[in-house]
């Protein structure tokens, strides 16, 4: 089962000159899960050594995270934010 993506983050629909919404050309945009992961990525890249230590509990000198680790971490964080969001 695919993870909960939170729905669209920035949905939009084309408005026709008549004022009606064009239901054929609606675009859901980026998912909230993708948005949260992108924000987590931005924070991670801004202070990766601090975040790496916080996430993994590493107390020895930090190593750089691989791209795969970064991707997994950001989506893991996004999933946690979606759960917290649902809990309200």
Protein backbone atom coordinates (compact mmCIF):
# COMPACT_ATOMS: atom_id res chain seq x y z
CA UNK A 1 0.00 0.00 0.00
CA UNK A 2 1.48 3.39 -0.92
CA UNK A 3 2.15 5.75 1.99
CA UNK A 4 -0.29 8.51 2.83
CA UNK A 5 0.81 11.48 0.73
CA UNK A 6 -1.37 13.98 2.59
CA UNK A 7 -3.14 15.09 -0.56
CA UNK A 8 -2.15 17.97 -2.80
CA UNK A 9 0.01 20.74 -1.31
CA UNK A 10 -0.65 23.35 -4.00
CA UNK A 11 -3.61 22.25 -6.12
CA UNK A 12 -4.85 24.45 -8.87
CA UNK A 13 -7.44 24.39 -11.60
CA UNK A 14 -7.64 26.46 -14.73
CA UNK A 15 -10.44 29.01 -14.66
CA UNK A 16 -12.17 29.41 -17.99
CA UNK A 17 -13.08 32.86 -19.37
CA UNK A 18 -16.68 32.06 -18.39
CA UNK A 19 -15.57 31.85 -14.74
CA UNK A 20 -16.16 28.10 -14.55
CA UNK A 21 -13.44 25.71 -13.45
CA UNK A 22 -11.98 23.57 -16.24
CA UNK A 23 -12.34 20.10 -14.72
CA UNK A 24 -10.36 18.54 -17.57
CA UNK A 25 -7.18 20.48 -16.81
CA UNK A 26 -7.09 20.33 -13.00
CA UNK A 27 -3.67 19.61 -11.55
CA UNK A 28 -3.24 18.35 -7.98
CA UNK A 29 0.28 19.77 -7.80
CA UNK A 30 2.89 18.57 -5.34
CA UNK A 31 1.77 16.23 -2.55
CA UNK A 32 2.04 17.40 1.04
CA UNK A 33 4.36 14.42 1.67
CA UNK A 34 6.69 15.62 -1.09
CA UNK A 35 6.52 19.18 0.25
CA UNK A 36 7.40 18.03 3.79
CA UNK A 37 10.27 15.89 2.45
CA UNK A 38 11.58 18.86 0.47
CA UNK A 39 11.50 21.06 3.54
CA UNK A 40 13.29 18.37 5.57
CA UNK A 41 15.88 18.09 2.79
CA UNK A 42 16.44 21.83 2.86
CA UNK A 43 17.07 21.74 6.61
CA UNK A 44 19.27 18.68 6.33
CA UNK A 45 21.48 20.23 3.69
CA UNK A 46 21.72 23.49 5.65
CA UNK A 47 23.04 21.76 8.77
CA UNK A 48 23.68 18.17 7.85
CA UNK A 49 26.21 17.33 10.57
CA UNK A 50 23.90 18.41 13.38
CA UNK A 51 20.91 16.68 11.83
CA UNK A 52 22.86 13.47 11.17
CA UNK A 53 23.86 13.26 14.81
CA UNK A 54 20.30 14.00 15.95
CA UNK A 55 18.66 11.43 13.67
CA UNK A 56 21.07 8.54 14.19
CA UNK A 57 22.33 9.24 17.70
CA UNK A 58 25.91 9.30 16.43
CA UNK A 59 28.22 10.91 18.96
CA UNK A 60 31.45 10.23 17.09
CA UNK A 61 32.58 12.46 14.20
CA UNK A 62 29.89 12.44 11.55
CA UNK A 63 30.29 11.12 8.05
CA UNK A 64 28.46 12.48 5.05
CA UNK A 65 25.16 10.81 4.28
CA UNK A 66 24.72 9.09 0.94
CA UNK A 67 22.04 10.39 -1.41
CA UNK A 68 19.98 7.27 -0.67
CA UNK A 69 20.23 7.91 3.08
CA UNK A 70 19.23 11.53 2.60
CA UNK A 71 16.19 10.53 0.53
CA UNK A 72 15.10 7.89 3.03
CA UNK A 73 15.57 10.26 5.95
CA UNK A 74 13.58 13.10 4.39
CA UNK A 75 10.61 10.90 3.50
CA UNK A 76 10.73 9.24 6.91
CA UNK A 77 10.53 12.68 8.48
CA UNK A 78 7.70 13.65 6.10
CA UNK A 79 5.75 10.52 7.07
CA UNK A 80 6.17 11.38 10.75
CA UNK A 81 4.90 14.91 10.10
CA UNK A 82 1.83 13.54 8.30
CA UNK A 83 1.07 11.28 11.28
CA UNK A 84 1.41 14.22 13.67
CA UNK A 85 -0.77 16.31 11.39
CA UNK A 86 -3.54 13.69 11.46
CA UNK A 87 -3.35 13.44 15.25
CA UNK A 88 -4.14 17.15 15.29
